[in-house]
Amino acid sequence: MMLLYMFKYYSYVIKPSTRKNKKYDVYKKEKYLLSFGDSRYKHYIDKIGHYKELDHNDKERRARYYKRHSKDYPKYSADWFSKKFLW
């Protein structure tokens, strides 16, 4: 398994989380902003790469996730990061 220390997305830095049951922490200018993803559950595909073993690649399951999370949340929220990098 390839372990990544950090992943840059514009001015954001995404690192494997230090918080219990979370996949990733997001930082901006070295300041913690939020955590996203639950490490106990699978996701469609991990575009960052740290949790590739939890990829399920099931399009129907992905569609159900988007149906449950259909509300538009603000850009750069935990929901936005999850949809962008895990689903």
N, C-alpha and C. Protein backbone atom coordinates (compact mmCIF):
# COMPACT_ATOMS: atom_id res chain seq x y z
N MET A 1 0.84 -1.18 0.00
CA MET A 1 0.00 0.00 0.00
C MET A 1 0.88 1.24 0.00
N MET A 2 0.59 2.14 -0.90
CA MET A 2 1.36 3.38 -0.98
C MET A 2 0.79 4.39 0.01
N LEU A 3 1.61 4.82 0.96
CA LEU A 3 1.17 5.81 1.93
C LEU A 3 1.57 7.20 1.46
N LEU A 4 0.60 8.08 1.45
CA LEU A 4 0.86 9.46 1.06
C LEU A 4 0.87 10.32 2.31
N TYR A 5 1.85 11.19 2.41
CA TYR A 5 1.90 12.08 3.55
C TYR A 5 0.93 13.23 3.37
N MET A 6 0.88 13.79 2.14
CA MET A 6 -0.03 14.90 1.91
C MET A 6 -0.38 15.01 0.43
N PHE A 7 -1.48 15.68 0.17
CA PHE A 7 -1.96 15.88 -1.18
C PHE A 7 -2.36 17.34 -1.29
N LYS A 8 -1.86 18.04 -2.29
CA LYS A 8 -2.19 19.46 -2.45
C LYS A 8 -3.33 19.63 -3.44
N TYR A 9 -4.28 20.49 -3.09
CA TYR A 9 -5.38 20.86 -3.98
C TYR A 9 -5.52 22.37 -3.86
N TYR A 10 -5.00 23.07 -4.84
CA TYR A 10 -4.91 24.54 -4.81
C TYR A 10 -4.21 24.96 -3.53
N SER A 11 -4.85 25.77 -2.69
CA SER A 11 -4.17 26.23 -1.47
C SER A 11 -4.48 25.33 -0.27
N TYR A 12 -5.11 24.19 -0.53
CA TYR A 12 -5.46 23.24 0.53
C TYR A 12 -4.47 22.09 0.56
N VAL A 13 -4.20 21.60 1.75
CA VAL A 13 -3.36 20.42 1.93
C VAL A 13 -4.23 19.36 2.60
N ILE A 14 -4.26 18.17 2.01
CA ILE A 14 -5.06 17.07 2.54
C ILE A 14 -4.11 15.99 3.02
N LYS A 15 -4.26 15.60 4.30
CA LYS A 15 -3.39 14.60 4.91
C LYS A 15 -4.26 13.50 5.52
N PRO A 16 -3.72 12.29 5.65
CA PRO A 16 -4.45 11.26 6.39
C PRO A 16 -4.78 11.78 7.79
N SER A 17 -5.99 11.52 8.23
CA SER A 17 -6.48 12.13 9.46
C SER A 17 -5.81 11.58 10.72
N THR A 18 -5.71 12.44 11.69
CA THR A 18 -5.25 12.06 13.02
C THR A 18 -6.44 11.89 13.95
N ARG A 19 -7.65 12.16 13.45
CA ARG A 19 -8.86 12.06 14.24
C ARG A 19 -9.47 10.67 14.11
N LYS A 20 -10.04 10.19 15.18
CA LYS A 20 -10.61 8.84 15.21
C LYS A 20 -11.71 8.70 14.15
N ASN A 21 -11.64 7.61 13.38
CA ASN A 21 -12.63 7.22 12.38
C ASN A 21 -12.77 8.19 11.21
N LYS A 22 -11.81 9.05 10.99
CA LYS A 22 -11.86 9.96 9.84
C LYS A 22 -10.76 9.56 8.87
N LYS A 23 -11.01 9.78 7.57
CA LYS A 23 -10.03 9.42 6.55
C LYS A 23 -9.00 10.52 6.33
N TYR A 24 -9.48 11.74 6.16
CA TYR A 24 -8.57 12.84 5.80
C TYR A 24 -8.86 14.10 6.60
N ASP A 25 -7.81 14.88 6.82
CA ASP A 25 -7.91 16.22 7.40
C ASP A 25 -7.51 17.22 6.33
N VAL A 26 -8.17 18.37 6.33
CA VAL A 26 -7.89 19.42 5.35
C VAL A 26 -7.32 20.62 6.10
N TYR A 27 -6.24 21.15 5.54
CA TYR A 27 -5.57 22.32 6.12
C TYR A 27 -5.45 23.40 5.06
N LYS A 28 -5.48 24.65 5.52
CA LYS A 28 -5.20 25.78 4.64
C LYS A 28 -4.23 26.68 5.39
N LYS A 29 -3.10 26.94 4.77
CA LYS A 29 -2.03 27.72 5.41
C LYS A 29 -1.68 27.14 6.77
N GLU A 30 -1.53 25.82 6.82
CA GLU A 30 -1.16 25.06 8.02
C GLU A 30 -2.18 25.13 9.15
N LYS A 31 -3.38 25.66 8.87
CA LYS A 31 -4.44 25.73 9.87
C LYS A 31 -5.48 24.65 9.55
N TYR A 32 -5.82 23.84 10.56
CA TYR A 32 -6.81 22.78 10.39
C TYR A 32 -8.16 23.38 10.06
N LEU A 33 -8.83 22.85 9.02
CA LEU A 33 -10.16 23.31 8.65
C LEU A 33 -11.24 22.29 8.96
N LEU A 34 -11.05 21.04 8.51
CA LEU A 34 -12.10 20.04 8.67
C LEU A 34 -11.55 18.65 8.41
N SER A 35 -12.37 17.66 8.75
CA SER A 35 -12.08 16.26 8.44
C SER A 35 -13.21 15.74 7.57
N PHE A 36 -12.90 14.76 6.73
CA PHE A 36 -13.96 14.17 5.92
C PHE A 36 -13.69 12.69 5.69
N GLY A 37 -14.77 11.96 5.40
CA GLY A 37 -14.68 10.53 5.16
C GLY A 37 -14.63 9.75 6.47
N ASP A 38 -15.33 8.64 6.50
CA ASP A 38 -15.32 7.77 7.68
C ASP A 38 -14.49 6.53 7.35
N SER A 39 -13.45 6.31 8.10
CA SER A 39 -12.51 5.21 7.81
C SER A 39 -13.12 3.83 8.03
N ARG A 40 -14.30 3.75 8.62
CA ARG A 40 -14.95 2.46 8.85
C ARG A 40 -15.78 2.01 7.64
N TYR A 41 -15.95 2.90 6.65
CA TYR A 41 -16.81 2.59 5.52
C TYR A 41 -16.09 2.70 4.19
N LYS A 42 -16.61 1.98 3.22
CA LYS A 42 -16.05 2.03 1.87
C LYS A 42 -16.54 3.28 1.13
N HIS A 43 -15.88 3.58 0.04
CA HIS A 43 -16.23 4.72 -0.82
C HIS A 43 -16.11 4.24 -2.27
N TYR A 44 -16.54 5.07 -3.21
CA TYR A 44 -16.51 4.66 -4.61
C TYR A 44 -15.07 4.50 -5.10
N ILE A 45 -14.30 5.57 -5.02
CA ILE A 45 -12.88 5.50 -5.41
C ILE A 45 -12.11 6.62 -4.70
N ASP A 46 -11.00 6.27 -4.09
CA ASP A 46 -10.18 7.24 -3.37
C ASP A 46 -9.20 7.87 -4.35
N LYS A 47 -9.46 9.11 -4.73
CA LYS A 47 -8.61 9.80 -5.70
C LYS A 47 -7.31 10.29 -5.08
N ILE A 48 -7.22 10.28 -3.76
CA ILE A 48 -5.98 10.68 -3.08
C ILE A 48 -5.05 9.47 -2.97
N GLY A 49 -5.60 8.31 -2.67
CA GLY A 49 -4.82 7.08 -2.71
C GLY A 49 -4.50 6.41 -1.40
N HIS A 50 -4.71 7.05 -0.30
CA HIS A 50 -4.33 6.46 0.99
C HIS A 50 -5.24 5.30 1.40
N TYR A 51 -6.50 5.34 0.99
CA TYR A 51 -7.47 4.31 1.37
C TYR A 51 -7.98 3.53 0.16
N LYS A 52 -7.12 3.20 -0.78
CA LYS A 52 -7.51 2.47 -1.99
C LYS A 52 -8.14 1.12 -1.67
N GLU A 53 -7.75 0.49 -0.56
CA GLU A 53 -8.30 -0.82 -0.21
C GLU A 53 -9.79 -0.75 0.13
N LEU A 54 -10.33 0.46 0.35
CA LEU A 54 -11.75 0.63 0.65
C LEU A 54 -12.58 1.01 -0.58
N ASP A 55 -11.97 1.03 -1.76
CA ASP A 55 -12.72 1.31 -2.99
C ASP A 55 -13.70 0.18 -3.27
N HIS A 56 -14.94 0.52 -3.62
CA HIS A 56 -15.90 -0.54 -3.99
C HIS A 56 -16.28 -0.48 -5.47
N ASN A 57 -16.13 0.66 -6.14
CA ASN A 57 -16.38 0.82 -7.58
C ASN A 57 -17.77 0.35 -8.01
N ASP A 58 -18.74 0.46 -7.13
CA ASP A 58 -20.12 0.05 -7.41
C ASP A 58 -20.93 1.29 -7.81
N LYS A 59 -21.30 1.38 -9.08
CA LYS A 59 -21.99 2.57 -9.59
C LYS A 59 -23.38 2.74 -8.96
N GLU A 60 -24.07 1.65 -8.67
CA GLU A 60 -25.39 1.76 -8.03
C GLU A 60 -25.27 2.31 -6.60
N ARG A 61 -24.26 1.84 -5.90
CA ARG A 61 -24.03 2.33 -4.53
C ARG A 61 -23.65 3.81 -4.56
N ARG A 62 -22.87 4.20 -5.56
CA ARG A 62 -22.50 5.60 -5.73
C ARG A 62 -23.74 6.45 -5.99
N ALA A 63 -24.65 5.97 -6.83
CA ALA A 63 -25.88 6.70 -7.14
C ALA A 63 -26.74 6.88 -5.89
N ARG A 64 -26.81 5.84 -5.06
CA ARG A 64 -27.58 5.95 -3.80
C ARG A 64 -26.94 6.96 -2.85
N TYR A 65 -25.60 7.00 -2.82
CA TYR A 65 -24.89 7.99 -1.99
C TYR A 65 -25.26 9.40 -2.44
N TYR A 66 -25.21 9.66 -3.75
CA TYR A 66 -25.54 10.99 -4.27
C TYR A 66 -27.00 11.33 -4.02
N LYS A 67 -27.87 10.35 -4.03
CA LYS A 67 -29.29 10.60 -3.75
C LYS A 67 -29.47 11.02 -2.29
N ARG A 68 -28.78 10.33 -1.38
CA ARG A 68 -28.85 10.68 0.05
C ARG A 68 -28.22 12.04 0.33
N HIS A 69 -27.19 12.38 -0.41
CA HIS A 69 -26.44 13.62 -0.17
C HIS A 69 -26.68 14.62 -1.30
N SER A 70 -27.95 14.78 -1.66
CA SER A 70 -28.27 15.60 -2.83
C SER A 70 -28.29 17.10 -2.52
N LYS A 71 -28.36 17.48 -1.26
CA LYS A 71 -28.35 18.89 -0.91
C LYS A 71 -27.03 19.53 -1.33
N ASP A 72 -27.10 20.73 -1.85
CA ASP A 72 -25.88 21.43 -2.25
C ASP A 72 -25.26 22.11 -1.03
N TYR A 73 -24.10 21.63 -0.65
CA TYR A 73 -23.37 22.23 0.46
C TYR A 73 -22.36 23.21 -0.11
N PRO A 74 -21.88 24.13 0.71
CA PRO A 74 -20.91 25.11 0.21
C PRO A 74 -19.63 24.45 -0.31
N LYS A 75 -19.01 25.11 -1.26
CA LYS A 75 -17.74 24.63 -1.78
C LYS A 75 -16.73 24.61 -0.64
N TYR A 76 -15.91 23.58 -0.64
CA TYR A 76 -14.86 23.36 0.36
C TYR A 76 -15.42 22.98 1.73
N SER A 77 -16.62 22.39 1.77
CA SER A 77 -17.16 21.82 3.01
C SER A 77 -16.75 20.35 3.05
N ALA A 78 -17.00 19.68 4.18
CA ALA A 78 -16.68 18.26 4.29
C ALA A 78 -17.43 17.45 3.22
N ASP A 79 -18.68 17.80 2.98
CA ASP A 79 -19.47 17.12 1.94
C ASP A 79 -18.84 17.32 0.57
N TRP A 80 -18.41 18.52 0.28
CA TRP A 80 -17.79 18.82 -1.01
C TRP A 80 -16.50 18.01 -1.20
N PHE A 81 -15.64 17.98 -0.17
CA PHE A 81 -14.40 17.22 -0.26
C PHE A 81 -14.67 15.72 -0.42
N SER A 82 -15.67 15.21 0.29
CA SER A 82 -16.02 13.79 0.15
C SER A 82 -16.46 13.47 -1.28
N LYS A 83 -17.33 14.29 -1.82
CA LYS A 83 -17.81 14.06 -3.19
C LYS A 83 -16.68 14.20 -4.20
N LYS A 84 -15.80 15.15 -4.00
CA LYS A 84 -14.70 15.41 -4.92
C LYS A 84 -13.64 14.31 -4.91
N PHE A 85 -13.30 13.81 -3.73
CA PHE A 85 -12.16 12.89 -3.62
C PHE A 85 -12.50 11.45 -3.29
N LEU A 86 -13.72 11.17 -2.82
CA LEU A 86 -14.07 9.80 -2.45
C LEU A 86 -15.23 9.22 -3.26
N TRP A 87 -16.08 10.07 -3.80
CA TRP A 87 -17.24 9.57 -4.52
C TRP A 87 -17.25 10.10 -5.93
